[in-house]
Amino acid sequence: MKKNLIIFSAVVLLVCCMPSCVPISFDQELLYGKWVSGTEYYRYDTDGTGATWDTSDDVSEAEAQEFTWTLEGSDLTHIHIMEVGGSVPKTYTVTALTATTLEYEDYTGKEFSYTKVD
């Protein structure tokens, strides 16, 4: 009986000391709006569509590349819609999302950081 109590106590202690495996979740409503990093802009609309453009390439918002997006937990997916047909999916892991800051990284670990402009 004493051996079982020791084993049970050890298991309880181990479970309590393990880090949580609960995935991080972000509020997608914080994503709505226009974000900027240098000359690169992203706009996330409430209907799951958006647009991206880079003013250094002399591209305006009216000429932006359209995409659809989803945010599930910390997984942000862009599906860029090509002008000649087809689409290009890109998946990121959101590391921070507040009313003014958006940060995420791609599968290679490259980090991206944006500030909300409206």
N, C-alpha and C. Protein backbone atom coordinates (compact mmCIF):
# COMPACT_ATOMS: atom_id res chain seq x y z
N MET A 1 0.82 -1.18 0.00
CA MET A 1 0.00 0.00 0.00
C MET A 1 0.87 1.26 0.00
N LYS A 2 1.95 1.24 0.80
CA LYS A 2 2.83 2.39 0.88
C LYS A 2 3.52 2.63 -0.47
N LYS A 3 3.87 1.56 -1.16
CA LYS A 3 4.52 1.66 -2.47
C LYS A 3 3.57 2.32 -3.47
N ASN A 4 2.29 1.94 -3.46
CA ASN A 4 1.29 2.51 -4.37
C ASN A 4 1.10 4.01 -4.09
N LEU A 5 1.11 4.37 -2.81
CA LEU A 5 0.95 5.78 -2.44
C LEU A 5 2.14 6.61 -2.94
N ILE A 6 3.32 6.07 -2.85
CA ILE A 6 4.52 6.77 -3.33
C ILE A 6 4.47 6.94 -4.85
N ILE A 7 4.08 5.88 -5.55
CA ILE A 7 3.98 5.95 -7.02
C ILE A 7 2.91 6.96 -7.43
N PHE A 8 1.76 6.91 -6.76
CA PHE A 8 0.68 7.85 -7.07
C PHE A 8 1.12 9.29 -6.83
N SER A 9 1.81 9.52 -5.72
CA SER A 9 2.30 10.87 -5.40
C SER A 9 3.31 11.34 -6.44
N ALA A 10 4.17 10.44 -6.89
CA ALA A 10 5.17 10.79 -7.90
C ALA A 10 4.50 11.16 -9.23
N VAL A 11 3.46 10.42 -9.61
CA VAL A 11 2.74 10.70 -10.86
C VAL A 11 2.03 12.05 -10.76
N VAL A 12 1.37 12.33 -9.64
CA VAL A 12 0.68 13.61 -9.45
C VAL A 12 1.69 14.76 -9.51
N LEU A 13 2.82 14.62 -8.87
CA LEU A 13 3.85 15.64 -8.88
C LEU A 13 4.38 15.86 -10.29
N LEU A 14 4.59 14.80 -11.04
CA LEU A 14 5.08 14.90 -12.41
C LEU A 14 4.08 15.63 -13.30
N VAL A 15 2.81 15.30 -13.17
CA VAL A 15 1.77 15.95 -13.98
C VAL A 15 1.67 17.43 -13.63
N CYS A 16 1.76 17.78 -12.38
CA CYS A 16 1.67 19.18 -11.96
C CYS A 16 2.87 20.00 -12.42
N CYS A 17 4.02 19.37 -12.59
CA CYS A 17 5.23 20.09 -12.97
C CYS A 17 5.42 20.20 -14.47
N MET A 18 4.65 19.47 -15.25
CA MET A 18 4.80 19.50 -16.70
C MET A 18 4.18 20.77 -17.26
N PRO A 19 4.80 21.34 -18.29
CA PRO A 19 4.22 22.53 -18.92
C PRO A 19 2.91 22.17 -19.62
N SER A 20 2.06 23.14 -19.71
CA SER A 20 0.77 22.93 -20.33
C SER A 20 0.93 22.73 -21.83
N CYS A 21 0.14 21.85 -22.40
CA CYS A 21 0.15 21.60 -23.83
C CYS A 21 -1.01 22.30 -24.52
N VAL A 22 -1.64 23.23 -23.84
CA VAL A 22 -2.76 23.96 -24.40
C VAL A 22 -2.21 24.95 -25.43
N PRO A 23 -2.69 24.89 -26.69
CA PRO A 23 -2.17 25.80 -27.71
C PRO A 23 -2.58 27.25 -27.42
N ILE A 24 -1.72 28.16 -27.83
CA ILE A 24 -2.01 29.59 -27.68
C ILE A 24 -3.06 29.97 -28.71
N SER A 25 -4.00 30.78 -28.30
CA SER A 25 -5.06 31.22 -29.20
C SER A 25 -5.12 32.74 -29.18
N PHE A 26 -5.30 33.33 -30.36
CA PHE A 26 -5.37 34.78 -30.50
C PHE A 26 -6.74 35.19 -31.00
N ASP A 27 -7.20 36.36 -30.59
CA ASP A 27 -8.49 36.90 -30.99
C ASP A 27 -8.36 37.48 -32.39
N GLN A 28 -9.06 36.87 -33.37
CA GLN A 28 -8.91 37.32 -34.74
C GLN A 28 -9.44 38.73 -34.97
N GLU A 29 -10.32 39.21 -34.09
CA GLU A 29 -10.83 40.57 -34.24
C GLU A 29 -9.71 41.61 -34.09
N LEU A 30 -8.65 41.26 -33.36
CA LEU A 30 -7.51 42.17 -33.23
C LEU A 30 -6.76 42.31 -34.55
N LEU A 31 -6.93 41.34 -35.44
CA LEU A 31 -6.22 41.34 -36.72
C LEU A 31 -6.84 42.28 -37.74
N TYR A 32 -8.12 42.58 -37.61
CA TYR A 32 -8.82 43.42 -38.59
C TYR A 32 -8.16 44.79 -38.71
N GLY A 33 -7.95 45.23 -39.95
CA GLY A 33 -7.39 46.56 -40.19
C GLY A 33 -6.13 46.50 -41.03
N LYS A 34 -5.41 47.61 -41.03
CA LYS A 34 -4.23 47.77 -41.87
C LYS A 34 -2.98 47.75 -41.00
N TRP A 35 -1.97 46.99 -41.46
CA TRP A 35 -0.72 46.82 -40.73
C TRP A 35 0.45 47.21 -41.63
N VAL A 36 1.52 47.74 -41.03
CA VAL A 36 2.68 48.17 -41.81
C VAL A 36 3.98 47.74 -41.14
N SER A 37 4.94 47.39 -41.99
CA SER A 37 6.32 47.14 -41.56
C SER A 37 7.21 47.74 -42.64
N GLY A 38 7.82 48.89 -42.35
CA GLY A 38 8.61 49.58 -43.37
C GLY A 38 7.70 50.07 -44.48
N THR A 39 7.90 49.51 -45.68
CA THR A 39 7.08 49.89 -46.84
C THR A 39 6.07 48.81 -47.21
N GLU A 40 6.03 47.75 -46.42
CA GLU A 40 5.14 46.61 -46.70
C GLU A 40 3.86 46.73 -45.88
N TYR A 41 2.72 46.60 -46.56
CA TYR A 41 1.42 46.74 -45.93
C TYR A 41 0.60 45.46 -46.09
N TYR A 42 -0.19 45.15 -45.06
CA TYR A 42 -1.18 44.08 -45.11
C TYR A 42 -2.49 44.65 -44.58
N ARG A 43 -3.59 44.31 -45.25
CA ARG A 43 -4.91 44.70 -44.78
C ARG A 43 -5.72 43.42 -44.57
N TYR A 44 -6.26 43.27 -43.37
CA TYR A 44 -7.09 42.11 -43.02
C TYR A 44 -8.52 42.59 -42.85
N ASP A 45 -9.41 42.11 -43.71
CA ASP A 45 -10.81 42.50 -43.67
C ASP A 45 -11.61 41.50 -42.84
N THR A 46 -12.76 41.94 -42.33
CA THR A 46 -13.57 41.11 -41.43
C THR A 46 -14.17 39.89 -42.10
N ASP A 47 -14.21 39.86 -43.43
CA ASP A 47 -14.81 38.72 -44.14
C ASP A 47 -13.78 37.65 -44.51
N GLY A 48 -12.56 37.74 -43.97
CA GLY A 48 -11.54 36.73 -44.24
C GLY A 48 -10.77 36.98 -45.53
N THR A 49 -10.92 38.17 -46.10
CA THR A 49 -10.13 38.53 -47.27
C THR A 49 -9.13 39.60 -46.85
N GLY A 50 -8.21 39.91 -47.74
CA GLY A 50 -7.24 40.94 -47.44
C GLY A 50 -6.45 41.31 -48.66
N ALA A 51 -5.46 42.16 -48.46
CA ALA A 51 -4.62 42.62 -49.56
C ALA A 51 -3.25 42.97 -49.01
N THR A 52 -2.24 42.86 -49.87
CA THR A 52 -0.88 43.22 -49.48
C THR A 52 -0.23 44.01 -50.61
N TRP A 53 0.58 44.99 -50.24
CA TRP A 53 1.29 45.80 -51.23
C TRP A 53 2.54 46.36 -50.60
N ASP A 54 3.47 46.77 -51.46
CA ASP A 54 4.73 47.33 -51.00
C ASP A 54 4.96 48.63 -51.76
N THR A 55 4.98 49.74 -51.04
CA THR A 55 5.11 51.04 -51.67
C THR A 55 6.50 51.24 -52.28
N SER A 56 7.52 50.48 -51.84
CA SER A 56 8.85 50.59 -52.44
C SER A 56 8.86 50.02 -53.86
N ASP A 57 7.89 49.17 -54.18
CA ASP A 57 7.73 48.63 -55.53
C ASP A 57 6.77 49.48 -56.35
N ASP A 58 6.42 50.66 -55.83
CA ASP A 58 5.49 51.59 -56.47
C ASP A 58 4.13 50.93 -56.68
N VAL A 59 3.69 50.18 -55.68
CA VAL A 59 2.38 49.52 -55.70
C VAL A 59 1.52 50.17 -54.63
N SER A 60 0.32 50.57 -55.02
CA SER A 60 -0.59 51.21 -54.07
C SER A 60 -1.61 50.19 -53.57
N GLU A 61 -2.39 50.61 -52.60
CA GLU A 61 -3.43 49.72 -52.06
C GLU A 61 -4.43 49.32 -53.14
N ALA A 62 -4.72 50.23 -54.07
CA ALA A 62 -5.66 49.93 -55.16
C ALA A 62 -5.14 48.82 -56.08
N GLU A 63 -3.81 48.64 -56.14
CA GLU A 63 -3.19 47.63 -57.00
C GLU A 63 -2.73 46.40 -56.21
N ALA A 64 -3.12 46.31 -54.96
CA ALA A 64 -2.60 45.28 -54.05
C ALA A 64 -2.96 43.86 -54.49
N GLN A 65 -2.11 42.92 -54.05
CA GLN A 65 -2.39 41.50 -54.30
C GLN A 65 -3.39 41.03 -53.26
N GLU A 66 -4.45 40.41 -53.72
CA GLU A 66 -5.49 39.94 -52.82
C GLU A 66 -5.13 38.58 -52.23
N PHE A 67 -5.66 38.31 -51.05
CA PHE A 67 -5.49 37.01 -50.41
C PHE A 67 -6.68 36.75 -49.50
N THR A 68 -6.86 35.49 -49.16
CA THR A 68 -7.81 35.14 -48.11
C THR A 68 -6.98 34.73 -46.90
N TRP A 69 -7.58 34.80 -45.73
CA TRP A 69 -6.82 34.48 -44.52
C TRP A 69 -7.71 33.77 -43.50
N THR A 70 -7.04 32.98 -42.67
CA THR A 70 -7.68 32.37 -41.50
C THR A 70 -6.70 32.44 -40.34
N LEU A 71 -7.25 32.57 -39.15
CA LEU A 71 -6.45 32.54 -37.92
C LEU A 71 -7.12 31.54 -36.99
N GLU A 72 -6.46 30.41 -36.80
CA GLU A 72 -6.98 29.36 -35.93
C GLU A 72 -5.92 29.09 -34.87
N GLY A 73 -6.25 29.46 -33.63
CA GLY A 73 -5.27 29.35 -32.56
C GLY A 73 -4.16 30.34 -32.81
N SER A 74 -2.96 29.84 -33.08
CA SER A 74 -1.84 30.72 -33.44
C SER A 74 -1.42 30.52 -34.89
N ASP A 75 -2.18 29.73 -35.65
CA ASP A 75 -1.86 29.44 -37.04
C ASP A 75 -2.55 30.44 -37.97
N LEU A 76 -1.75 31.28 -38.62
CA LEU A 76 -2.24 32.28 -39.56
C LEU A 76 -1.92 31.78 -40.97
N THR A 77 -2.95 31.64 -41.79
CA THR A 77 -2.76 31.17 -43.16
C THR A 77 -3.22 32.25 -44.13
N HIS A 78 -2.35 32.58 -45.07
CA HIS A 78 -2.68 33.46 -46.20
C HIS A 78 -2.75 32.59 -47.43
N ILE A 79 -3.76 32.77 -48.24
CA ILE A 79 -3.82 32.12 -49.55
C ILE A 79 -3.85 33.24 -50.58
N HIS A 80 -2.69 33.51 -51.17
CA HIS A 80 -2.54 34.60 -52.12
C HIS A 80 -3.16 34.21 -53.45
N ILE A 81 -3.99 35.09 -53.98
CA ILE A 81 -4.71 34.84 -55.23
C ILE A 81 -3.91 35.47 -56.36
N MET A 82 -3.45 34.62 -57.29
CA MET A 82 -2.61 35.09 -58.39
C MET A 82 -3.47 35.66 -59.52
N GLU A 83 -2.97 36.69 -60.18
CA GLU A 83 -3.70 37.33 -61.28
C GLU A 83 -3.91 36.39 -62.46
N VAL A 84 -2.96 35.50 -62.70
CA VAL A 84 -3.04 34.58 -63.84
C VAL A 84 -3.75 33.28 -63.49
N GLY A 85 -4.34 33.24 -62.32
CA GLY A 85 -5.02 32.03 -61.86
C GLY A 85 -4.16 31.28 -60.86
N GLY A 86 -4.80 30.48 -60.07
CA GLY A 86 -4.09 29.72 -59.06
C GLY A 86 -3.95 30.50 -57.76
N SER A 87 -3.35 29.86 -56.79
CA SER A 87 -3.18 30.47 -55.48
C SER A 87 -1.92 29.94 -54.83
N VAL A 88 -1.39 30.72 -53.91
CA VAL A 88 -0.17 30.35 -53.20
C VAL A 88 -0.45 30.43 -51.70
N PRO A 89 -0.46 29.28 -51.01
CA PRO A 89 -0.69 29.32 -49.56
C PRO A 89 0.61 29.60 -48.80
N LYS A 90 0.49 30.39 -47.74
CA LYS A 90 1.61 30.66 -46.84
C LYS A 90 1.09 30.54 -45.42
N THR A 91 1.81 29.81 -44.59
CA THR A 91 1.38 29.57 -43.22
C THR A 91 2.41 30.15 -42.25
N TYR A 92 1.90 30.80 -41.21
CA TYR A 92 2.74 31.44 -40.21
C TYR A 92 2.26 31.05 -38.81
N THR A 93 3.12 31.23 -37.83
CA THR A 93 2.75 31.05 -36.43
C THR A 93 2.78 32.41 -35.75
N VAL A 94 1.63 32.85 -35.27
CA VAL A 94 1.54 34.15 -34.60
C VAL A 94 2.20 34.03 -33.23
N THR A 95 3.09 34.97 -32.92
CA THR A 95 3.76 34.97 -31.62
C THR A 95 3.26 36.10 -30.74
N ALA A 96 2.68 37.15 -31.35
CA ALA A 96 2.11 38.27 -30.59
C ALA A 96 1.03 38.94 -31.43
N LEU A 97 -0.08 39.25 -30.80
CA LEU A 97 -1.16 39.98 -31.46
C LEU A 97 -1.87 40.82 -30.42
N THR A 98 -1.71 42.14 -30.55
CA THR A 98 -2.39 43.09 -29.67
C THR A 98 -3.12 44.09 -30.55
N ALA A 99 -3.71 45.09 -29.95
CA ALA A 99 -4.41 46.12 -30.71
C ALA A 99 -3.47 46.92 -31.61
N THR A 100 -2.17 46.89 -31.33
CA THR A 100 -1.21 47.69 -32.11
C THR A 100 -0.04 46.90 -32.69
N THR A 101 0.13 45.64 -32.30
CA THR A 101 1.30 44.86 -32.71
C THR A 101 0.89 43.50 -33.25
N LEU A 102 1.49 43.12 -34.38
CA LEU A 102 1.32 41.79 -34.96
C LEU A 102 2.71 41.24 -35.23
N GLU A 103 2.99 40.07 -34.66
CA GLU A 103 4.27 39.41 -34.90
C GLU A 103 4.01 37.95 -35.21
N TYR A 104 4.71 37.45 -36.22
CA TYR A 104 4.60 36.03 -36.55
C TYR A 104 5.89 35.55 -37.19
N GLU A 105 6.00 34.24 -37.34
CA GLU A 105 7.17 33.67 -37.98
C GLU A 105 6.73 32.59 -38.96
N ASP A 106 7.58 32.35 -39.97
CA ASP A 106 7.27 31.31 -40.94
C ASP A 106 7.93 29.99 -40.50
N TYR A 107 7.81 28.98 -41.33
CA TYR A 107 8.30 27.66 -40.96
C TYR A 107 9.83 27.61 -40.85
N THR A 108 10.53 28.58 -41.43
CA THR A 108 11.99 28.61 -41.34
C THR A 108 12.48 29.35 -40.10
N GLY A 109 11.55 29.99 -39.39
CA GLY A 109 11.91 30.76 -38.21
C GLY A 109 12.10 32.25 -38.50
N LYS A 110 11.89 32.66 -39.76
CA LYS A 110 12.00 34.09 -40.10
C LYS A 110 10.86 34.83 -39.42
N GLU A 111 11.22 35.93 -38.74
CA GLU A 111 10.24 36.68 -37.96
C GLU A 111 9.77 37.92 -38.71
N PHE A 112 8.49 38.24 -38.55
CA PHE A 112 7.87 39.40 -39.16
C PHE A 112 7.19 40.21 -38.06
N SER A 113 7.27 41.53 -38.15
CA SER A 113 6.68 42.39 -37.14
C SER A 113 5.98 43.57 -37.81
N TYR A 114 4.73 43.83 -37.44
CA TYR A 114 3.92 44.88 -38.04
C TYR A 114 3.28 45.74 -36.95
N THR A 115 2.98 46.98 -37.32
CA THR A 115 2.29 47.92 -36.46
C THR A 115 0.99 48.32 -37.12
N LYS A 116 -0.07 48.40 -36.34
CA LYS A 116 -1.39 48.76 -36.89
C LYS A 116 -1.40 50.25 -37.21
N VAL A 117 -1.96 50.58 -38.41
CA VAL A 117 -2.01 51.98 -38.82
C VAL A 117 -3.44 52.50 -38.89
N ASP A 118 -4.44 51.65 -38.79
CA ASP A 118 -5.83 52.12 -38.68
C ASP A 118 -6.71 51.05 -38.11
